[in-house]
C-alpha atoms as a PDB file:
ATOM      1  CA  MET A   1     -15.057 -78.045  11.745  1.00  0.00           C
ATOM      2  CA  THR A   2     -11.926 -79.407  13.406  1.00  0.00           C
ATOM      3  CA  THR A   3      -8.597 -80.425  11.952  1.00  0.00           C
ATOM      4  CA  ASN A   4      -5.997 -82.120  14.134  1.00  0.00           C
ATOM      5  CA  GLY A   5      -7.951 -80.967  17.196  1.00  0.00           C
ATOM      6  CA  LYS A   6      -7.911 -77.276  16.126  1.00  0.00           C
ATOM      7  CA  MET A   7     -10.977 -75.245  15.189  1.00  0.00           C
ATOM      8  CA  THR A   8     -11.008 -73.976  11.608  1.00  0.00           C
ATOM      9  CA  SER A   9     -13.544 -72.088   9.529  1.00  0.00           C
ATOM     10  CA  SER A  10     -15.166 -73.257   6.347  1.00  0.00           C
ATOM     11  CA  PRO A  11     -13.192 -72.406   3.193  1.00  0.00           C
ATOM     12  CA  ARG A  12     -15.966 -70.038   2.099  1.00  0.00           C
ATOM     13  CA  PHE A  13     -15.770 -68.050   5.332  1.00  0.00           C
ATOM     14  CA  ASP A  14     -11.984 -67.910   5.066  1.00  0.00           C
ATOM     15  CA  GLU A  15     -12.301 -66.426   1.586  1.00  0.00           C
ATOM     16  CA  LEU A  16     -14.757 -63.784   2.810  1.00  0.00           C
ATOM     17  CA  VAL A  17     -12.376 -62.745   5.595  1.00  0.00           C
ATOM     18  CA  ARG A  18      -9.433 -62.698   3.164  1.00  0.00           C
ATOM     19  CA  ALA A  19     -11.416 -60.516   0.740  1.00  0.00           C
ATOM     20  CA  PHE A  20     -12.435 -58.179   3.559  1.00  0.00           C
ATOM     21  CA  VAL A  21      -8.823 -57.737   4.739  1.00  0.00           C
ATOM     22  CA  GLU A  22      -7.571 -57.138   1.185  1.00  0.00           C
ATOM     23  CA  LEU A  23     -10.350 -54.660   0.420  1.00  0.00           C
ATOM     24  CA  ARG A  24      -9.694 -52.766   3.658  1.00  0.00           C
ATOM     25  CA  LYS A  25      -6.033 -52.488   2.596  1.00  0.00           C
ATOM     26  CA  VAL A  26      -7.035 -51.083  -0.815  1.00  0.00           C
ATOM     27  CA  VAL A  27      -9.362 -48.554   0.833  1.00  0.00           C
ATOM     28  CA  LYS A  28      -6.570 -47.476   3.221  1.00  0.00           C
ATOM     29  CA  GLU A  29      -4.157 -46.988   0.305  1.00  0.00           C
ATOM     30  CA  ILE A  30      -6.712 -44.828  -1.537  1.00  0.00           C
ATOM     31  CA  GLU A  31      -7.415 -42.821   1.634  1.00  0.00           C
ATOM     32  CA  ASP A  32      -3.676 -42.264   2.130  1.00  0.00           C
ATOM     33  CA  ARG A  33      -3.278 -41.046  -1.463  1.00  0.00           C
ATOM     34  CA  HIS A  34      -6.326 -38.839  -1.017  1.00  0.00           C
ATOM     35  CA  LYS A  35      -4.860 -37.381   2.171  1.00  0.00           C
ATOM     36  CA  GLN A  36      -1.564 -36.637   0.384  1.00  0.00           C
ATOM     37  CA  GLU A  37      -3.364 -35.091  -2.563  1.00  0.00           C
ATOM     38  CA  LEU A  38      -5.417 -32.849  -0.265  1.00  0.00           C
ATOM     39  CA  ALA A  39      -2.476 -31.721   1.900  1.00  0.00           C
ATOM     40  CA  LYS A  40      -1.424 -28.739  -0.255  1.00  0.00           C
ATOM     41  CA  PRO A  41      -4.942 -27.447  -1.042  1.00  0.00           C
ATOM     42  CA  LEU A  42      -5.901 -27.724   2.640  1.00  0.00           C
ATOM     43  CA  ARG A  43      -2.760 -25.815   3.669  1.00  0.00           C
ATOM     44  CA  LEU A  44      -3.577 -23.121   1.109  1.00  0.00           C
ATOM     45  CA  LYS A  45      -7.129 -22.977   2.479  1.00  0.00           C
ATOM     46  CA  GLU A  46      -5.697 -22.444   6.001  1.00  0.00           C
ATOM     47  CA  LEU A  47      -3.493 -19.604   4.729  1.00  0.00           C
ATOM     48  CA  LEU A  48      -6.410 -17.986   2.905  1.00  0.00           C
ATOM     49  CA  THR A  49      -8.566 -18.312   6.019  1.00  0.00           C
ATOM     50  CA  ALA A  50      -5.909 -16.516   8.065  1.00  0.00           C
ATOM     51  CA  GLU A  51      -5.662 -13.770   5.428  1.00  0.00           C
ATOM     52  CA  LEU A  52      -9.433 -13.322   5.340  1.00  0.00           C
ATOM     53  CA  LEU A  53      -9.693 -13.170   9.141  1.00  0.00           C
ATOM     54  CA  GLU A  54      -6.830 -10.670   9.280  1.00  0.00           C
ATOM     55  CA  GLY A  55      -8.487  -8.602   6.553  1.00  0.00           C
ATOM     56  CA  LEU A  56     -11.775  -8.497   8.451  1.00  0.00           C
ATOM     57  CA  ALA A  57     -10.040  -7.655  11.737  1.00  0.00           C
ATOM     58  CA  SER A  58      -7.845  -4.921  10.247  1.00  0.00           C
ATOM     59  CA  THR A  59     -10.897  -3.165   8.798  1.00  0.00           C
ATOM     60  CA  GLY A  60     -13.102  -3.733  11.847  1.00  0.00           C
ATOM     61  CA  GLN A  61     -15.612  -5.836   9.920  1.00  0.00           C
ATOM     62  CA  GLU A  62     -17.390  -9.047  10.850  1.00  0.00           C
ATOM     63  CA  MET A  63     -18.577  -9.582   7.268  1.00  0.00           C
ATOM     64  CA  ALA A  64     -17.535  -8.443   3.801  1.00  0.00           C
ATOM     65  CA  ARG A  65     -19.500  -8.888   0.588  1.00  0.00           C
ATOM     66  CA  THR A  66     -17.651  -9.161  -2.722  1.00  0.00           C
ATOM     67  CA  GLN A  67     -18.595  -9.972  -6.297  1.00  0.00           C
ATOM     68  CA  TYR A  68     -17.327 -13.534  -5.670  1.00  0.00           C
ATOM     69  CA  GLY A  69     -19.057 -14.169  -2.383  1.00  0.00           C
ATOM     70  CA  THR A  70     -19.420 -13.096   1.207  1.00  0.00           C
ATOM     71  CA  VAL A  71     -16.984 -13.794   4.019  1.00  0.00           C
ATOM     72  CA  SER A  72     -17.886 -13.557   7.682  1.00  0.00           C
ATOM     73  CA  ALA A  73     -16.012 -14.283  10.884  1.00  0.00           C
ATOM     74  CA  ALA A  74     -17.500 -17.006  13.058  1.00  0.00           C
ATOM     75  CA  VAL A  75     -16.546 -18.667  16.309  1.00  0.00           C
ATOM     76  CA  ARG A  76     -17.142 -22.323  17.141  1.00  0.00           C
ATOM     77  CA  VAL A  77     -17.143 -23.097  20.864  1.00  0.00           C
ATOM     78  CA  THR A  78     -16.245 -26.649  21.879  1.00  0.00           C
ATOM     79  CA  PRO A  79     -16.308 -27.154  25.652  1.00  0.00           C
ATOM     80  CA  SER A  80     -14.858 -30.122  27.499  1.00  0.00           C
ATOM     81  CA  CYS A  81     -14.986 -31.169  31.149  1.00  0.00           C
ATOM     82  CA  SER A  82     -11.724 -31.078  33.050  1.00  0.00           C
ATOM     83  CA  ASP A  83     -13.662 -32.076  36.200  1.00  0.00           C
ATOM     84  CA  PRO A  84     -17.051 -33.652  35.339  1.00  0.00           C
ATOM     85  CA  ASN A  85     -18.036 -34.127  39.002  1.00  0.00           C
ATOM     86  CA  LEU A  86     -17.438 -30.457  39.789  1.00  0.00           C
ATOM     87  CA  PHE A  87     -19.383 -29.435  36.700  1.00  0.00           C
ATOM     88  CA  ILE A  88     -22.396 -31.640  37.526  1.00  0.00           C
ATOM     89  CA  ALA A  89     -22.371 -30.432  41.138  1.00  0.00           C
ATOM     90  CA  TYR A  90     -22.472 -26.824  39.916  1.00  0.00           C
ATOM     91  CA  VAL A  91     -25.298 -27.542  37.465  1.00  0.00           C
ATOM     92  CA  ARG A  92     -27.377 -29.194  40.193  1.00  0.00           C
ATOM     93  CA  GLU A  93     -26.644 -26.579  42.865  1.00  0.00           C
ATOM     94  CA  HIS A  94     -27.552 -23.671  40.577  1.00  0.00           C
ATOM     95  CA  ASP A  95     -30.300 -25.434  38.607  1.00  0.00           C
ATOM     96  CA  ALA A  96     -28.276 -24.585  35.482  1.00  0.00           C
ATOM     97  CA  TYR A  97     -29.237 -27.542  33.282  1.00  0.00           C
ATOM     98  CA  GLU A  98     -29.035 -25.321  30.194  1.00  0.00           C
ATOM     99  CA  LEU A  99     -25.242 -25.733  30.488  1.00  0.00           C
ATOM    100  CA  MET A 100     -25.601 -29.371  29.464  1.00  0.00           C
ATOM    101  CA  ASP A 101     -26.411 -31.032  26.163  1.00  0.00           C
ATOM    102  CA  ARG A 102     -29.702 -32.856  26.173  1.00  0.00           C
ATOM    103  CA  ARG A 103     -28.925 -36.263  24.807  1.00  0.00           C
ATOM    104  CA  PRO A 104     -29.002 -39.711  26.322  1.00  0.00           C
ATOM    105  CA  ASN A 105     -25.905 -41.803  26.929  1.00  0.00           C
ATOM    106  CA  GLY A 106     -26.059 -44.817  24.580  1.00  0.00           C
ATOM    107  CA  THR A 107     -24.299 -47.295  26.850  1.00  0.00           C
ATOM    108  CA  ALA A 108     -26.321 -46.297  29.919  1.00  0.00           C
ATOM    109  CA  CYS A 109     -29.609 -46.525  27.973  1.00  0.00           C
ATOM    110  CA  ALA A 110     -28.722 -49.995  26.658  1.00  0.00           C
ATOM    111  CA  GLU A 111     -27.960 -51.165  30.212  1.00  0.00           C
ATOM    112  CA  PHE A 112     -31.209 -49.607  31.444  1.00  0.00           C
ATOM    113  CA  ALA A 113     -33.140 -51.464  28.723  1.00  0.00           C
ATOM    114  CA  LYS A 114     -31.495 -54.768  29.710  1.00  0.00           C
ATOM    115  CA  ALA A 115     -32.338 -54.230  33.367  1.00  0.00           C
ATOM    116  CA  HIS A 116     -35.899 -52.899  32.870  1.00  0.00           C
ATOM    117  CA  GLY A 117     -36.983 -54.515  29.618  1.00  0.00           C
ATOM    118  CA  GLN A 118     -37.550 -51.138  27.980  1.00  0.00           C
ATOM    119  CA  LEU A 119     -35.750 -47.898  27.231  1.00  0.00           C
ATOM    120  CA  PRO A 120     -36.106 -44.864  29.486  1.00  0.00           C
ATOM    121  CA  PRO A 121     -39.130 -42.694  28.608  1.00  0.00           C
ATOM    122  CA  GLY A 122     -38.532 -40.419  25.636  1.00  0.00           C
ATOM    123  CA  VAL A 123     -35.503 -42.324  24.316  1.00  0.00           C
ATOM    124  CA  LYS A 124     -35.109 -44.050  20.951  1.00  0.00           C
ATOM    125  CA  VAL A 125     -32.062 -46.122  20.074  1.00  0.00           C
ATOM    126  CA  SER A 126     -30.784 -47.076  16.660  1.00  0.00           C
ATOM    127  CA  GLN A 127     -28.241 -49.847  16.342  1.00  0.00           C
ATOM    128  CA  VAL A 128     -26.097 -50.879  13.424  1.00  0.00           C
ATOM    129  CA  ARG A 129     -24.509 -54.305  13.472  1.00  0.00           C
ATOM    130  CA  TYR A 130     -21.094 -54.518  11.858  1.00  0.00           C
ATOM    131  CA  VAL A 131     -18.086 -56.798  11.727  1.00  0.00           C
ATOM    132  CA  ASN A 132     -14.691 -56.199  13.200  1.00  0.00           C
ATOM    133  CA  VAL A 133     -12.000 -58.042  11.225  1.00  0.00           C
ATOM    134  CA  ARG A 134      -8.363 -58.326  12.214  1.00  0.00           C
ATOM    135  CA  ALA A 135      -5.830 -59.500   9.686  1.00  0.00           C
ATOM    136  CA  ALA A 136      -3.920 -62.645  10.614  1.00  0.00           C
ATOM    137  CA  THR A 137      -0.347 -62.123  11.732  1.00  0.00           C
ATOM    138  CA  GLN A 138       2.535 -64.022  10.211  1.00  0.00           C
ATOM    139  CA  THR A 139       3.045 -66.078  13.372  1.00  0.00           C
ATOM    140  CA  GLU A 140      -0.620 -66.883  13.908  1.00  0.00           C
ATOM    141  CA  ASP A 141      -1.196 -70.654  13.741  1.00  0.00           C
ATOM    142  CA  LEU A 142      -4.574 -71.455  12.212  1.00  0.00           C
END
């Protein structure tokens, strides 16, 4: 639909976008309150975690069982590539593919499917369509 040579949306679509923007604002406000409400308990949890780890370390234990539960020390390793080309070269040269995660790259697989009419062998893709809505600015002329 055009008005004075400018494209406009139907009133119904405008109302849907308005409702979406308003609802997103309400959700953000609730999330912010939730974040504030959780701040102190999460900080206390961090302090208790430090105390428990110190207690295990000071007694030389990796695990302690109590009447309320069992605590054990664990380590989560999260690697990142500072030089991906160097890493890949090493993996190839030493046939060390176990150093890599075995998962396909979504963007590359989608491009492959466009070019070849099918996905690479052994790959499944799930897609979820969603909307991206930006709120209008005060100066925006609709």
